[in-house]
Amino acid sequence: MPRRALKYVVEANGGTQGWNEKNAIEISLTPSLQGGKVGWACRGYPNAAIPANCGGK
């Protein structure tokens, strides 16, 4: 089984940007703090490769 590496960068605010060049996939995870609980917003490209609960199809 071939290994497909996801490269990523973690920003100072905890946000994470990840990508896989071979498969042309990008994802962004952004944290938020509300009422003492951490929530995450996510987005990605292309939409067809991203789960629906993360804004994909």
PDB file of N, CA and C in Angstrom:
ATOM      1  N   MET A   1       0.849  -1.168   0.000  1.00  0.00           N
ATOM      2  CA  MET A   1       0.000   0.000   0.000  1.00  0.00           C
ATOM      3  C   MET A   1       0.901   1.240   0.000  1.00  0.00           C
ATOM      4  N   PRO A   2       0.728   2.125  -0.979  1.00  0.00           N
ATOM      5  CA  PRO A   2       1.573   3.316  -1.039  1.00  0.00           C
ATOM      6  C   PRO A   2       1.238   4.295   0.083  1.00  0.00           C
ATOM      7  N   ARG A   3       2.239   4.958   0.566  1.00  0.00           N
ATOM      8  CA  ARG A   3       2.051   5.952   1.617  1.00  0.00           C
ATOM      9  C   ARG A   3       1.900   7.323   0.966  1.00  0.00           C
ATOM     10  N   ARG A   4       0.885   8.062   1.383  1.00  0.00           N
ATOM     11  CA  ARG A   4       0.652   9.400   0.852  1.00  0.00           C
ATOM     12  C   ARG A   4       0.746  10.391   1.995  1.00  0.00           C
ATOM     13  N   ALA A   5       1.796  11.167   1.989  1.00  0.00           N
ATOM     14  CA  ALA A   5       2.082  12.081   3.095  1.00  0.00           C
ATOM     15  C   ALA A   5       1.247  13.346   3.006  1.00  0.00           C
ATOM     16  N   LEU A   6       0.725  13.744   4.152  1.00  0.00           N
ATOM     17  CA  LEU A   6       0.049  15.022   4.289  1.00  0.00           C
ATOM     18  C   LEU A   6       1.041  15.972   4.948  1.00  0.00           C
ATOM     19  N   LYS A   7       1.318  17.062   4.281  1.00  0.00           N
ATOM     20  CA  LYS A   7       2.192  18.079   4.855  1.00  0.00           C
ATOM     21  C   LYS A   7       1.303  19.089   5.568  1.00  0.00           C
ATOM     22  N   TYR A   8       1.812  19.669   6.634  1.00  0.00           N
ATOM     23  CA  TYR A   8       0.978  20.601   7.385  1.00  0.00           C
ATOM     24  C   TYR A   8       1.809  21.660   8.097  1.00  0.00           C
ATOM     25  N   VAL A   9       1.113  22.746   8.432  1.00  0.00           N
ATOM     26  CA  VAL A   9       1.699  23.842   9.188  1.00  0.00           C
ATOM     27  C   VAL A   9       0.715  24.174  10.303  1.00  0.00           C
ATOM     28  N   VAL A  10       1.212  24.264  11.537  1.00  0.00           N
ATOM     29  CA  VAL A  10       0.391  24.681  12.669  1.00  0.00           C
ATOM     30  C   VAL A  10       0.718  26.137  12.965  1.00  0.00           C
ATOM     31  N   GLU A  11      -0.305  26.975  12.959  1.00  0.00           N
ATOM     32  CA  GLU A  11      -0.114  28.403  13.172  1.00  0.00           C
ATOM     33  C   GLU A  11      -0.109  28.732  14.664  1.00  0.00           C
ATOM     34  N   ALA A  12       0.324  29.931  15.017  1.00  0.00           N
ATOM     35  CA  ALA A  12       0.423  30.361  16.414  1.00  0.00           C
ATOM     36  C   ALA A  12      -0.927  30.318  17.129  1.00  0.00           C
ATOM     37  N   ASN A  13      -2.026  30.533  16.404  1.00  0.00           N
ATOM     38  CA  ASN A  13      -3.352  30.527  17.021  1.00  0.00           C
ATOM     39  C   ASN A  13      -3.952  29.114  17.104  1.00  0.00           C
ATOM     40  N   GLY A  14      -3.188  28.102  16.710  1.00  0.00           N
ATOM     41  CA  GLY A  14      -3.663  26.720  16.749  1.00  0.00           C
ATOM     42  C   GLY A  14      -4.279  26.242  15.446  1.00  0.00           C
ATOM     43  N   GLY A  15      -4.501  27.152  14.516  1.00  0.00           N
ATOM     44  CA  GLY A  15      -5.037  26.764  13.211  1.00  0.00           C
ATOM     45  C   GLY A  15      -4.055  25.867  12.483  1.00  0.00           C
ATOM     46  N   THR A  16      -4.576  24.977  11.674  1.00  0.00           N
ATOM     47  CA  THR A  16      -3.731  24.036  10.949  1.00  0.00           C
ATOM     48  C   THR A  16      -4.086  24.062   9.473  1.00  0.00           C
ATOM     49  N   GLN A  17      -3.069  24.162   8.650  1.00  0.00           N
ATOM     50  CA  GLN A  17      -3.221  24.097   7.197  1.00  0.00           C
ATOM     51  C   GLN A  17      -2.518  22.829   6.740  1.00  0.00           C
ATOM     52  N   GLY A  18      -3.225  21.970   6.023  1.00  0.00           N
ATOM     53  CA  GLY A  18      -2.619  20.740   5.546  1.00  0.00           C
ATOM     54  C   GLY A  18      -2.849  20.559   4.056  1.00  0.00           C
ATOM     55  N   TRP A  19      -1.932  19.845   3.394  1.00  0.00           N
ATOM     56  CA  TRP A  19      -2.079  19.611   1.963  1.00  0.00           C
ATOM     57  C   TRP A  19      -1.340  18.349   1.566  1.00  0.00           C
ATOM     58  N   ASN A  20      -1.781  17.793   0.466  1.00  0.00           N
ATOM     59  CA  ASN A  20      -1.131  16.653  -0.157  1.00  0.00           C
ATOM     60  C   ASN A  20      -0.938  17.033  -1.613  1.00  0.00           C
ATOM     61  N   GLU A  21       0.302  17.289  -2.002  1.00  0.00           N
ATOM     62  CA  GLU A  21       0.588  17.770  -3.355  1.00  0.00           C
ATOM     63  C   GLU A  21       0.231  16.748  -4.421  1.00  0.00           C
ATOM     64  N   LYS A  22       0.511  15.471  -4.173  1.00  0.00           N
ATOM     65  CA  LYS A  22       0.258  14.445  -5.180  1.00  0.00           C
ATOM     66  C   LYS A  22      -1.223  14.327  -5.523  1.00  0.00           C
ATOM     67  N   ASN A  23      -2.079  14.426  -4.513  1.00  0.00           N
ATOM     68  CA  ASN A  23      -3.515  14.285  -4.733  1.00  0.00           C
ATOM     69  C   ASN A  23      -4.253  15.615  -4.819  1.00  0.00           C
ATOM     70  N   ALA A  24      -3.524  16.720  -4.747  1.00  0.00           N
ATOM     71  CA  ALA A  24      -4.085  18.070  -4.857  1.00  0.00           C
ATOM     72  C   ALA A  24      -5.240  18.288  -3.884  1.00  0.00           C
ATOM     73  N   ILE A  25      -5.004  17.944  -2.599  1.00  0.00           N
ATOM     74  CA  ILE A  25      -6.004  18.126  -1.551  1.00  0.00           C
ATOM     75  C   ILE A  25      -5.460  19.135  -0.540  1.00  0.00           C
ATOM     76  N   GLU A  26      -6.329  20.052  -0.120  1.00  0.00           N
ATOM     77  CA  GLU A  26      -5.976  21.028   0.907  1.00  0.00           C
ATOM     78  C   GLU A  26      -7.058  21.025   1.974  1.00  0.00           C
ATOM     79  N   ILE A  27      -6.668  21.224   3.247  1.00  0.00           N
ATOM     80  CA  ILE A  27      -7.622  21.312   4.336  1.00  0.00           C
ATOM     81  C   ILE A  27      -7.161  22.370   5.328  1.00  0.00           C
ATOM     82  N   SER A  28      -8.123  23.054   5.919  1.00  0.00           N
ATOM     83  CA  SER A  28      -7.845  24.092   6.908  1.00  0.00           C
ATOM     84  C   SER A  28      -8.700  23.808   8.134  1.00  0.00           C
ATOM     85  N   LEU A  29      -8.070  23.733   9.306  1.00  0.00           N
ATOM     86  CA  LEU A  29      -8.772  23.542  10.576  1.00  0.00           C
ATOM     87  C   LEU A  29      -8.521  24.767  11.439  1.00  0.00           C
ATOM     88  N   THR A  30      -9.605  25.418  11.885  1.00  0.00           N
ATOM     89  CA  THR A  30      -9.489  26.638  12.671  1.00  0.00           C
ATOM     90  C   THR A  30     -10.193  26.448  14.011  1.00  0.00           C
ATOM     91  N   PRO A  31      -9.460  26.612  15.126  1.00  0.00           N
ATOM     92  CA  PRO A  31     -10.080  26.438  16.435  1.00  0.00           C
ATOM     93  C   PRO A  31     -10.814  27.697  16.900  1.00  0.00           C
ATOM     94  N   SER A  32     -11.805  27.497  17.773  1.00  0.00           N
ATOM     95  CA  SER A  32     -12.473  28.615  18.431  1.00  0.00           C
ATOM     96  C   SER A  32     -12.799  28.186  19.852  1.00  0.00           C
ATOM     97  N   LEU A  33     -12.893  29.138  20.749  1.00  0.00           N
ATOM     98  CA  LEU A  33     -13.190  28.859  22.141  1.00  0.00           C
ATOM     99  C   LEU A  33     -14.487  29.567  22.498  1.00  0.00           C
ATOM    100  N   GLN A  34     -15.508  28.790  22.876  1.00  0.00           N
ATOM    101  CA  GLN A  34     -16.807  29.351  23.239  1.00  0.00           C
ATOM    102  C   GLN A  34     -17.298  28.672  24.504  1.00  0.00           C
ATOM    103  N   GLY A  35     -17.527  29.445  25.531  1.00  0.00           N
ATOM    104  CA  GLY A  35     -18.008  28.896  26.782  1.00  0.00           C
ATOM    105  C   GLY A  35     -17.062  27.888  27.405  1.00  0.00           C
ATOM    106  N   GLY A  36     -15.772  28.082  27.215  1.00  0.00           N
ATOM    107  CA  GLY A  36     -14.781  27.177  27.775  1.00  0.00           C
ATOM    108  C   GLY A  36     -14.574  25.898  26.992  1.00  0.00           C
ATOM    109  N   LYS A  37     -15.228  25.769  25.830  1.00  0.00           N
ATOM    110  CA  LYS A  37     -15.077  24.572  25.002  1.00  0.00           C
ATOM    111  C   LYS A  37     -14.460  24.932  23.653  1.00  0.00           C
ATOM    112  N   VAL A  38     -13.593  24.071  23.207  1.00  0.00           N
ATOM    113  CA  VAL A  38     -12.939  24.286  21.914  1.00  0.00           C
ATOM    114  C   VAL A  38     -13.811  23.694  20.809  1.00  0.00           C
ATOM    115  N   GLY A  39     -14.034  24.477  19.781  1.00  0.00           N
ATOM    116  CA  GLY A  39     -14.737  24.004  18.590  1.00  0.00           C
ATOM    117  C   GLY A  39     -13.810  24.145  17.397  1.00  0.00           C
ATOM    118  N   TRP A  40     -14.116  23.420  16.346  1.00  0.00           N
ATOM    119  CA  TRP A  40     -13.270  23.459  15.154  1.00  0.00           C
ATOM    120  C   TRP A  40     -14.116  23.743  13.932  1.00  0.00           C
ATOM    121  N   ALA A  41     -13.620  24.632  13.091  1.00  0.00           N
ATOM    122  CA  ALA A  41     -14.215  24.880  11.776  1.00  0.00           C
ATOM    123  C   ALA A  41     -13.243  24.315  10.758  1.00  0.00           C
ATOM    124  N   CYS A  42     -13.769  23.656   9.751  1.00  0.00           N
ATOM    125  CA  CYS A  42     -12.874  23.111   8.739  1.00  0.00           C
ATOM    126  C   CYS A  42     -13.397  23.422   7.348  1.00  0.00           C
ATOM    127  N   ARG A  43     -12.466  23.492   6.427  1.00  0.00           N
ATOM    128  CA  ARG A  43     -12.751  23.706   5.010  1.00  0.00           C
ATOM    129  C   ARG A  43     -11.714  22.938   4.225  1.00  0.00           C
ATOM    130  N   GLY A  44     -12.063  22.639   3.002  1.00  0.00           N
ATOM    131  CA  GLY A  44     -11.099  21.933   2.183  1.00  0.00           C
ATOM    132  C   GLY A  44     -11.365  22.080   0.704  1.00  0.00           C
ATOM    133  N   TYR A  45     -10.398  21.608  -0.075  1.00  0.00           N
ATOM    134  CA  TYR A  45     -10.476  21.676  -1.528  1.00  0.00           C
ATOM    135  C   TYR A  45      -9.791  20.450  -2.103  1.00  0.00           C
ATOM    136  N   PRO A  46     -10.310  19.818  -3.072  1.00  0.00           N
ATOM    137  CA  PRO A  46     -11.583  20.046  -3.741  1.00  0.00           C
ATOM    138  C   PRO A  46     -12.756  19.533  -2.908  1.00  0.00           C
ATOM    139  N   ASN A  47     -13.908  20.139  -3.101  1.00  0.00           N
ATOM    140  CA  ASN A  47     -15.092  19.783  -2.325  1.00  0.00           C
ATOM    141  C   ASN A  47     -15.423  18.302  -2.392  1.00  0.00           C
ATOM    142  N   ALA A  48     -15.224  17.679  -3.530  1.00  0.00           N
ATOM    143  CA  ALA A  48     -15.556  16.264  -3.699  1.00  0.00           C
ATOM    144  C   ALA A  48     -14.707  15.336  -2.819  1.00  0.00           C
ATOM    145  N   ALA A  49     -13.554  15.814  -2.379  1.00  0.00           N
ATOM    146  CA  ALA A  49     -12.651  14.976  -1.568  1.00  0.00           C
ATOM    147  C   ALA A  49     -12.787  15.252  -0.068  1.00  0.00           C
ATOM    148  N   ILE A  50     -13.627  16.218   0.302  1.00  0.00           N
ATOM    149  CA  ILE A  50     -13.752  16.619   1.694  1.00  0.00           C
ATOM    150  C   ILE A  50     -15.084  16.092   2.235  1.00  0.00           C
ATOM    151  N   PRO A  51     -15.100  15.560   3.472  1.00  0.00           N
ATOM    152  CA  PRO A  51     -16.358  15.080   4.056  1.00  0.00           C
ATOM    153  C   PRO A  51     -17.402  16.185   4.162  1.00  0.00           C
ATOM    154  N   ALA A  52     -18.666  15.826   4.106  1.00  0.00           N
ATOM    155  CA  ALA A  52     -19.761  16.801   4.146  1.00  0.00           C
ATOM    156  C   ALA A  52     -19.748  17.633   5.432  1.00  0.00           C
ATOM    157  N   ASN A  53     -19.378  17.031   6.559  1.00  0.00           N
ATOM    158  CA  ASN A  53     -19.363  17.785   7.811  1.00  0.00           C
ATOM    159  C   ASN A  53     -18.204  18.772   7.885  1.00  0.00           C
ATOM    160  N   CYS A  54     -17.409  18.827   6.827  1.00  0.00           N
ATOM    161  CA  CYS A  54     -16.304  19.776   6.738  1.00  0.00           C
ATOM    162  C   CYS A  54     -16.478  20.672   5.516  1.00  0.00           C
ATOM    163  N   GLY A  55     -17.695  20.806   5.046  1.00  0.00           N
ATOM    164  CA  GLY A  55     -17.977  21.695   3.929  1.00  0.00           C
ATOM    165  C   GLY A  55     -17.867  21.070   2.557  1.00  0.00           C
ATOM    166  N   GLY A  56     -17.619  19.761   2.493  1.00  0.00           N
ATOM    167  CA  GLY A  56     -17.514  19.089   1.203  1.00  0.00           C
ATOM    168  C   GLY A  56     -18.857  18.545   0.729  1.00  0.00           C
ATOM    169  N   LYS A  57     -18.805  17.765  -0.320  1.00  0.00           N
ATOM    170  CA  LYS A  57     -20.041  17.175  -0.887  1.00  0.00           C
ATOM    171  C   LYS A  57     -20.240  15.767  -0.387  1.00  0.00           C
TER     172      LYS A  57
END
